[in-house]
C-alpha atoms as a PDB file:
ATOM      1  CA  MET A   1      74.339 105.021 141.159  1.00  0.00           C
ATOM      2  CA  ARG A   2      75.140 101.304 140.856  1.00  0.00           C
ATOM      3  CA  ILE A   3      72.342 100.874 138.284  1.00  0.00           C
ATOM      4  CA  PHE A   4      73.717 103.800 136.269  1.00  0.00           C
ATOM      5  CA  LEU A   5      77.221 102.301 136.198  1.00  0.00           C
ATOM      6  CA  SER A   6      75.862  98.884 135.211  1.00  0.00           C
ATOM      7  CA  LEU A   7      73.874 100.466 132.389  1.00  0.00           C
ATOM      8  CA  LEU A   8      76.949 102.413 131.225  1.00  0.00           C
ATOM      9  CA  VAL A   9      79.043  99.216 131.106  1.00  0.00           C
ATOM     10  CA  LEU A  10      76.288  97.391 129.204  1.00  0.00           C
ATOM     11  CA  LEU A  11      75.934 100.190 126.638  1.00  0.00           C
ATOM     12  CA  SER A  12      79.683 100.407 126.032  1.00  0.00           C
ATOM     13  CA  ALA A  13      79.803  96.645 125.400  1.00  0.00           C
ATOM     14  CA  CYS A  14      77.032  96.990 122.796  1.00  0.00           C
ATOM     15  CA  ALA A  15      78.701  99.875 120.943  1.00  0.00           C
ATOM     16  CA  ALA A  16      79.674  99.300 117.325  1.00  0.00           C
ATOM     17  CA  PRO A  17      83.330  98.422 116.779  1.00  0.00           C
ATOM     18  CA  ASP A  18      85.625 101.032 115.300  1.00  0.00           C
ATOM     19  CA  ALA A  19      85.498 101.262 111.520  1.00  0.00           C
ATOM     20  CA  ARG A  20      88.382  99.611 109.689  1.00  0.00           C
ATOM     21  CA  THR A  21      91.127 101.975 108.536  1.00  0.00           C
ATOM     22  CA  THR A  22      93.033 101.443 105.285  1.00  0.00           C
ATOM     23  CA  ALA A  23      96.021 103.488 104.072  1.00  0.00           C
ATOM     24  CA  ILE A  24      96.864 103.412 100.364  1.00  0.00           C
ATOM     25  CA  VAL A  25     100.522 104.399 100.243  1.00  0.00           C
ATOM     26  CA  GLY A  26     102.778 105.517  97.393  1.00  0.00           C
ATOM     27  CA  ALA A  27     100.319 105.886  94.508  1.00  0.00           C
ATOM     28  CA  THR A  28     100.033 108.990  92.349  1.00  0.00           C
ATOM     29  CA  ALA A  29      96.645 110.465  93.272  1.00  0.00           C
ATOM     30  CA  LEU A  30      94.929 111.996  90.244  1.00  0.00           C
ATOM     31  CA  LEU A  31      92.804 114.964  91.311  1.00  0.00           C
ATOM     32  CA  PRO A  32      90.104 116.852  89.413  1.00  0.00           C
ATOM     33  CA  GLY A  33      91.423 119.546  87.106  1.00  0.00           C
ATOM     34  CA  GLY A  34      94.504 117.575  86.095  1.00  0.00           C
ATOM     35  CA  GLU A  35      96.424 118.049  89.359  1.00  0.00           C
ATOM     36  CA  SER A  36      98.167 115.115  91.007  1.00  0.00           C
ATOM     37  CA  ILE A  37      99.880 114.132  94.246  1.00  0.00           C
ATOM     38  CA  ALA A  38     102.943 111.951  93.716  1.00  0.00           C
ATOM     39  CA  ASP A  39     103.855 109.450  96.470  1.00  0.00           C
ATOM     40  CA  SER A  40     100.488 110.003  98.125  1.00  0.00           C
ATOM     41  CA  VAL A  41      98.818 108.623 101.204  1.00  0.00           C
ATOM     42  CA  ALA A  42      95.044 108.143 101.155  1.00  0.00           C
ATOM     43  CA  VAL A  43      93.502 107.121 104.478  1.00  0.00           C
ATOM     44  CA  VAL A  44      90.057 105.512 104.376  1.00  0.00           C
ATOM     45  CA  LYS A  45      88.105 104.964 107.581  1.00  0.00           C
ATOM     46  CA  GLY A  46      84.867 103.066 107.204  1.00  0.00           C
ATOM     47  CA  THR A  47      83.183 104.424 104.077  1.00  0.00           C
ATOM     48  CA  ARG A  48      85.001 107.784 103.926  1.00  0.00           C
ATOM     49  CA  LEU A  49      88.281 109.125 102.622  1.00  0.00           C
ATOM     50  CA  ILE A  50      89.479 110.965 105.724  1.00  0.00           C
ATOM     51  CA  ARG A  51      92.966 112.082 104.640  1.00  0.00           C
ATOM     52  CA  LEU A  52      94.725 112.639 101.336  1.00  0.00           C
ATOM     53  CA  GLY A  53      98.152 114.154 100.850  1.00  0.00           C
ATOM     54  CA  THR A  54     101.825 113.475 100.330  1.00  0.00           C
ATOM     55  CA  ARG A  55     103.556 110.752 102.295  1.00  0.00           C
ATOM     56  CA  ALA A  56     105.668 113.421 104.005  1.00  0.00           C
ATOM     57  CA  GLU A  57     102.606 115.366 105.216  1.00  0.00           C
ATOM     58  CA  THR A  58     100.015 112.667 105.859  1.00  0.00           C
ATOM     59  CA  PRO A  59     100.320 110.466 108.930  1.00  0.00           C
ATOM     60  CA  ILE A  60      99.290 106.833 108.645  1.00  0.00           C
ATOM     61  CA  PRO A  61      97.209 105.826 111.673  1.00  0.00           C
ATOM     62  CA  ALA A  62      98.656 103.022 113.788  1.00  0.00           C
ATOM     63  CA  GLY A  63      97.000  99.691 113.069  1.00  0.00           C
ATOM     64  CA  SER A  64      95.885 100.655 109.552  1.00  0.00           C
ATOM     65  CA  ASP A  65      95.744  98.049 106.823  1.00  0.00           C
ATOM     66  CA  LYS A  66      98.402  99.254 104.372  1.00  0.00           C
ATOM     67  CA  VAL A  67      98.032  98.853 100.613  1.00  0.00           C
ATOM     68  CA  ASP A  68     101.136  99.363  98.463  1.00  0.00           C
ATOM     69  CA  GLY A  69     100.253 101.792  95.685  1.00  0.00           C
ATOM     70  CA  ALA A  70     103.807 102.322  94.388  1.00  0.00           C
ATOM     71  CA  GLY A  71     103.847 102.641  90.593  1.00  0.00           C
ATOM     72  CA  LYS A  72     100.051 102.903  90.438  1.00  0.00           C
ATOM     73  CA  TYR A  73      97.455 105.626  90.089  1.00  0.00           C
ATOM     74  CA  LEU A  74      94.689 106.397  92.565  1.00  0.00           C
ATOM     75  CA  LEU A  75      91.570 107.992  91.175  1.00  0.00           C
ATOM     76  CA  ALA A  76      87.889 108.406  91.917  1.00  0.00           C
ATOM     77  CA  ASP A  77      85.710 105.589  90.626  1.00  0.00           C
ATOM     78  CA  PRO A  78      83.647 107.196  87.839  1.00  0.00           C
ATOM     79  CA  ASP A  79      81.212 104.257  87.856  1.00  0.00           C
ATOM     80  CA  ALA A  80      80.241 105.038  91.460  1.00  0.00           C
ATOM     81  CA  GLY A  81      80.224 108.837  91.301  1.00  0.00           C
ATOM     82  CA  GLY A  82      83.414 108.935  93.329  1.00  0.00           C
ATOM     83  CA  GLU A  83      85.333 112.059  94.282  1.00  0.00           C
ATOM     84  CA  LEU A  84      88.966 112.156  95.319  1.00  0.00           C
ATOM     85  CA  ARG A  85      88.777 114.594  98.234  1.00  0.00           C
ATOM     86  CA  GLN A  86      88.755 114.417 102.004  1.00  0.00           C
ATOM     87  CA  GLY A  87      85.356 113.584 103.410  1.00  0.00           C
ATOM     88  CA  ALA A  88      84.089 111.972 100.198  1.00  0.00           C
ATOM     89  CA  ARG A  89      82.752 108.430 100.057  1.00  0.00           C
ATOM     90  CA  ALA A  90      85.573 105.961  99.468  1.00  0.00           C
ATOM     91  CA  ASN A  91      84.737 104.933  95.896  1.00  0.00           C
ATOM     92  CA  LEU A  92      88.234 104.632  94.471  1.00  0.00           C
ATOM     93  CA  VAL A  93      90.234 102.906  91.761  1.00  0.00           C
ATOM     94  CA  LEU A  94      93.872 101.820  92.092  1.00  0.00           C
ATOM     95  CA  ALA A  95      95.233 101.134  88.595  1.00  0.00           C
ATOM     96  CA  SER A  96      98.437 100.735  86.598  1.00  0.00           C
ATOM     97  CA  ASP A  97      97.018 103.070  83.946  1.00  0.00           C
ATOM     98  CA  PRO A  98      96.208 106.757  84.672  1.00  0.00           C
ATOM     99  CA  ALA A  99      92.886 106.353  82.842  1.00  0.00           C
ATOM    100  CA  GLY A 100      91.895 103.589  85.273  1.00  0.00           C
ATOM    101  CA  ALA A 101      91.822 100.901  82.587  1.00  0.00           C
ATOM    102  CA  PRO A 102      92.077  97.251  83.672  1.00  0.00           C
ATOM    103  CA  PRO A 103      93.801  95.654  85.408  1.00  0.00           C
ATOM    104  CA  ARG A 104      92.637  97.655  88.364  1.00  0.00           C
ATOM    105  CA  THR A 105      91.424  97.251  91.904  1.00  0.00           C
ATOM    106  CA  THR A 106      88.200  98.981  92.917  1.00  0.00           C
ATOM    107  CA  MET A 107      87.100 100.162  96.352  1.00  0.00           C
ATOM    108  CA  ARG A 108      83.397 100.858  96.949  1.00  0.00           C
ATOM    109  CA  GLU A 109      82.211 102.408 100.183  1.00  0.00           C
ATOM    110  CA  GLY A 110      85.582 101.576 101.759  1.00  0.00           C
ATOM    111  CA  LYS A 111      85.611  97.886 100.792  1.00  0.00           C
ATOM    112  CA  TRP A 112      87.780  96.286  98.113  1.00  0.00           C
ATOM    113  CA  LEU A 113      85.844  94.424  95.450  1.00  0.00           C
ATOM    114  CA  GLN A 114      87.111  91.040  94.293  1.00  0.00           C
END
């Protein structure tokens, strides 16, 4: 039993850390088909978009890195085959222009590009 507990402690110490969580708050999310979500919250955990909805309906996980999207548009990154839906890979664009024209900030696989 003691060996089992020691092994369990060792394995838990070697486990991968939790994936970083980012919440993009306040942007207008532009969905396929011309629909949009004003004052949206998009929650990205690791490489996936795990939640997308209005600020009123979408909780922001405690400890999330928050990105202010007010006055901007959130859309799928067409250069990376992105989709703006829950469960999709987090290939996103946050832009001042609804067409995603520069200046813009791009997220690929959940990481912001410089």
